[in-house]
Protein backbone atom coordinates (compact mmCIF):
# COMPACT_ATOMS: atom_id res chain seq x y z
CA MET A 1 -74.18 130.20 10.01
CA GLY A 2 -70.89 129.01 11.98
CA GLY A 3 -68.31 130.92 13.94
CA GLY A 4 -67.08 131.69 16.99
CA PHE A 5 -69.58 134.93 17.96
CA ASP A 6 -67.01 135.94 20.67
CA PRO A 7 -68.63 138.16 21.09
CA PRO A 8 -71.45 138.10 18.54
CA HIS A 9 -71.76 141.83 16.92
CA MET A 10 -74.28 143.41 14.67
CA PHE A 11 -72.61 142.38 11.33
CA HIS A 12 -73.35 138.69 12.45
CA VAL A 13 -77.08 139.42 12.75
CA ALA A 14 -77.28 141.58 9.55
CA ILE A 15 -75.33 138.77 7.57
CA ALA A 16 -78.11 136.28 8.90
CA GLU A 17 -81.11 138.68 8.10
CA ARG A 18 -79.24 139.44 4.46
CA ALA A 19 -79.06 135.73 4.00
CA ARG A 20 -82.79 134.73 4.98
CA GLU A 21 -84.13 137.76 2.57
CA PHE A 22 -81.81 137.32 -0.46
CA LEU A 23 -82.31 133.28 -0.50
CA GLY A 24 -85.80 132.93 0.80
CA LEU A 25 -84.71 131.24 4.14
CA ASP A 26 -87.63 130.20 6.27
CA ILE A 27 -84.56 130.08 9.08
CA VAL A 28 -81.40 130.93 9.83
CA VAL A 29 -79.55 128.54 12.21
CA PHE A 30 -76.67 129.88 14.49
CA LEU A 31 -73.68 127.51 15.28
CA PRO A 32 -71.22 128.50 17.75
CA ALA A 33 -68.05 126.79 17.41
CA ASP A 34 -67.16 124.88 20.67
CA SER A 35 -63.49 124.42 18.95
CA SER A 36 -62.61 124.88 15.49
CA PRO A 37 -59.31 123.21 14.09
CA PRO A 38 -59.01 125.39 10.90
CA LYS A 39 -59.60 128.68 12.86
CA PHE A 40 -60.35 129.17 16.26
CA GLY A 41 -57.91 127.40 18.65
CA SER A 42 -59.36 128.54 22.18
CA HIS A 43 -62.13 131.11 22.89
CA ALA A 44 -61.81 134.14 25.15
CA ALA A 45 -65.73 133.35 26.38
CA PRO A 46 -66.87 130.28 27.53
CA PHE A 47 -69.55 128.14 24.99
CA ALA A 48 -72.38 129.05 27.32
CA ASP A 49 -71.73 132.47 27.57
CA ARG A 50 -71.13 133.09 23.53
CA VAL A 51 -74.57 130.94 23.18
CA GLU A 52 -76.00 133.62 25.90
CA MET A 53 -74.61 136.70 24.00
CA LEU A 54 -75.97 135.21 20.66
CA LYS A 55 -79.42 134.78 22.49
CA ILE A 56 -79.76 138.24 23.69
CA ALA A 57 -78.00 139.73 20.26
CA LEU A 58 -80.89 138.14 18.07
CA ARG A 59 -83.85 138.97 20.55
CA ASN A 60 -85.05 142.10 18.71
CA PHE A 61 -84.74 141.07 15.21
CA PRO A 62 -87.50 139.12 13.42
CA GLY A 63 -85.46 136.22 12.12
CA PRO A 64 -86.73 133.83 12.39
CA PHE A 65 -83.14 132.66 13.99
CA GLU A 66 -82.33 129.75 16.06
CA ILE A 67 -79.23 128.87 17.91
CA CYS A 68 -77.99 125.08 17.29
CA ASP A 69 -75.31 123.91 20.09
CA ALA A 70 -74.73 120.62 18.66
CA GLU A 71 -71.06 121.08 18.83
CA ALA A 72 -70.55 121.46 22.53
CA ARG A 73 -72.72 118.12 23.10
CA ALA A 74 -70.66 116.28 20.42
CA GLU A 75 -67.86 113.87 21.36
CA GLY A 76 -64.46 114.38 19.61
CA VAL A 77 -63.85 117.05 16.90
CA PHE A 78 -66.97 118.46 15.40
CA TYR A 79 -66.63 119.32 11.73
CA ALA A 80 -69.07 121.66 9.27
CA ALA A 81 -70.05 118.48 7.65
CA ASP A 82 -71.11 116.99 11.22
CA ALA A 83 -73.17 120.17 11.86
CA ALA A 84 -75.00 119.64 8.12
CA ARG A 85 -75.91 115.96 9.19
CA VAL A 86 -77.68 117.39 12.78
CA LEU A 87 -79.56 119.73 10.70
CA ALA A 88 -80.72 117.67 7.79
CA LYS A 89 -82.06 115.61 10.04
CA LYS A 90 -83.85 118.06 12.01
CA PHE A 91 -85.28 119.71 9.05
CA SER A 92 -85.94 116.83 6.83
CA GLY A 93 -86.50 117.40 3.21
CA ALA A 94 -85.34 121.30 3.37
CA ARG A 95 -82.91 122.84 1.15
CA LEU A 96 -79.97 123.79 3.20
CA TYR A 97 -77.30 126.72 3.04
CA TRP A 98 -73.66 126.88 4.70
CA ILE A 99 -73.54 130.70 5.31
CA MET A 100 -69.84 131.89 5.09
CA GLY A 101 -67.73 134.97 3.91
CA SER A 102 -66.20 135.06 0.45
CA ASP A 103 -62.73 134.62 1.91
CA ARG A 104 -63.16 131.17 3.00
CA ALA A 105 -64.19 129.81 -0.55
CA ALA A 106 -60.23 129.12 -1.72
CA GLY A 107 -59.58 126.80 1.19
CA LEU A 108 -63.23 124.92 1.06
CA HIS A 109 -62.13 122.10 -0.89
CA ARG A 110 -59.76 120.95 1.93
CA TRP A 111 -62.52 120.99 4.78
CA LYS A 112 -63.28 117.55 6.15
CA ASP A 113 -65.77 115.30 4.68
CA ILE A 114 -66.44 118.29 2.01
CA GLU A 115 -68.16 115.75 -0.32
CA LYS A 116 -70.61 114.89 2.49
CA LEU A 117 -71.05 118.39 3.50
CA SER A 118 -71.76 119.46 -0.44
CA GLU A 119 -74.46 116.83 -0.68
CA LEU A 120 -76.14 117.98 2.39
CA ALA A 121 -75.70 122.01 1.59
CA SER A 122 -75.55 124.38 -0.87
CA PHE A 123 -72.70 127.24 -0.40
CA ALA A 124 -73.84 130.64 0.36
CA PHE A 125 -70.82 133.21 0.08
CA PHE A 126 -71.05 136.66 1.28
CA LYS A 127 -69.59 138.97 -1.65
CA ARG A 128 -68.39 142.46 -0.88
CA ALA A 129 -68.06 145.09 -3.38
CA GLY A 130 -64.64 144.16 -5.25
CA ASP A 131 -64.26 140.68 -3.82
CA SER A 132 -63.69 137.65 -5.73
CA VAL A 133 -65.09 134.27 -4.81
CA SER A 134 -62.24 131.91 -6.03
CA GLY A 135 -61.46 127.83 -5.79
CA LEU A 136 -64.80 127.06 -6.59
CA GLU A 137 -63.88 125.08 -9.35
CA LEU A 138 -62.30 122.62 -7.08
CA LEU A 139 -65.31 122.05 -4.72
CA PRO A 140 -66.86 118.12 -5.26
CA LYS A 141 -68.69 117.81 -8.70
CA GLY A 142 -72.35 118.96 -8.27
CA ALA A 143 -71.94 121.38 -5.35
CA GLU A 144 -74.43 124.33 -5.71
CA VAL A 145 -73.09 127.72 -4.95
CA ALA A 146 -74.77 131.04 -4.40
CA GLU A 147 -73.28 134.42 -4.07
CA VAL A 148 -74.87 137.00 -1.47
CA PRO A 149 -73.87 140.43 -2.32
CA PHE A 150 -73.11 142.36 0.71
CA VAL A 151 -71.78 145.67 2.23
CA SER A 152 -68.79 145.70 3.86
CA SER A 153 -68.25 146.25 7.40
CA SER A 154 -65.09 147.10 9.55
CA ALA A 155 -66.90 145.38 12.43
CA SER A 156 -65.02 141.96 13.71
CA SER A 157 -65.11 139.93 17.08
CA ALA A 158 -61.17 140.54 17.49
CA SER A 159 -61.70 144.34 17.25
CA ALA A 160 -64.51 144.06 20.09
CA ARG A 161 -62.60 142.18 22.14
CA ALA A 162 -59.69 144.80 22.03
CA ALA A 163 -62.17 147.27 22.67
CA LEU A 164 -63.64 145.65 25.39
CA GLY A 165 -60.56 144.71 27.25
CA ALA A 166 -59.48 148.26 27.09
CA GLY A 167 -62.82 149.00 28.89
CA LYS A 168 -64.38 150.58 25.93
CA THR A 169 -67.91 149.70 24.36
CA PRO A 170 -67.84 149.27 20.78
CA ALA A 171 -70.52 150.59 18.59
CA ASP A 172 -71.01 147.66 16.91
CA ILE A 173 -71.63 145.57 19.96
CA ASP A 174 -75.77 145.46 21.12
CA PRO A 175 -75.84 147.43 24.57
CA GLU A 176 -77.64 144.30 26.39
CA VAL A 177 -74.69 142.21 24.88
CA ALA A 178 -72.25 144.77 26.33
CA ALA A 179 -73.92 144.81 29.61
CA TYR A 180 -73.83 141.09 29.55
CA ILE A 181 -70.35 140.95 29.15
CA SER A 182 -69.60 143.88 31.77
CA LYS A 183 -71.53 141.70 34.28
CA LYS A 184 -69.84 138.63 33.71
CA GLY A 185 -66.33 140.24 33.28
CA LEU A 186 -65.45 138.24 30.04
CA TYR A 187 -62.94 139.61 28.15
CA SER A 188 -61.20 142.23 30.67
CA ARG A 189 -59.96 138.97 32.33
CA ALA A 190 -58.96 136.90 29.49
CA LEU A 191 -57.20 139.92 28.05
CA ARG A 192 -55.49 140.86 31.21
CA GLY A 193 -53.99 137.24 31.39
CA ASN A 194 -53.08 137.34 28.17
CA PRO A 195 -52.80 140.80 26.43
CA ARG A 196 -52.66 139.18 22.78
CA ALA A 197 -55.48 137.22 22.98
CA ALA A 198 -57.37 139.55 20.96
CA TRP A 199 -55.52 139.07 18.09
CA LYS A 200 -55.21 135.12 18.31
CA ILE A 201 -58.90 134.57 17.69
CA PRO A 202 -60.32 135.77 14.24
């Protein structure tokens, strides 16, 4: 399950737990993005801090969950297919799912090395009530898709950053994560330097 996790919020954990239960997964692997050409640009918090916040956020949940920092160690741009190669090697013989929101489906066929990604992993889309999953017919032949129903949430990293930059603690941020953020002064510094930063990074 990839993402910026900048910061991680309770919805991230809920998605992972729901996918684990619904799909019968043995483990959910979180893949924090060090950089992500289609979406992120630059992050408000350093990669190491986002990994540490994820560790804290996952501490009190059964999982099992794991964090993969392969992107930070890669040379050059690291795509989803690259991550799938790493995980396929680590979990040899296992069935892999690439977990994402249904809003990503329409553009998925344009992802780098989508053919290889679809060979290595099935795609699991979180589908909120009323959402439609479009564009699946454009995926490579033989691509396997699963839809995971989920209750909608207003939680987002962007709104969390905005609240934290204003000195508030969002309800959907784990208190221990909030304490780590406060101790490190992560988002207050970034947002003071760039008031629009909260809205530039999804």
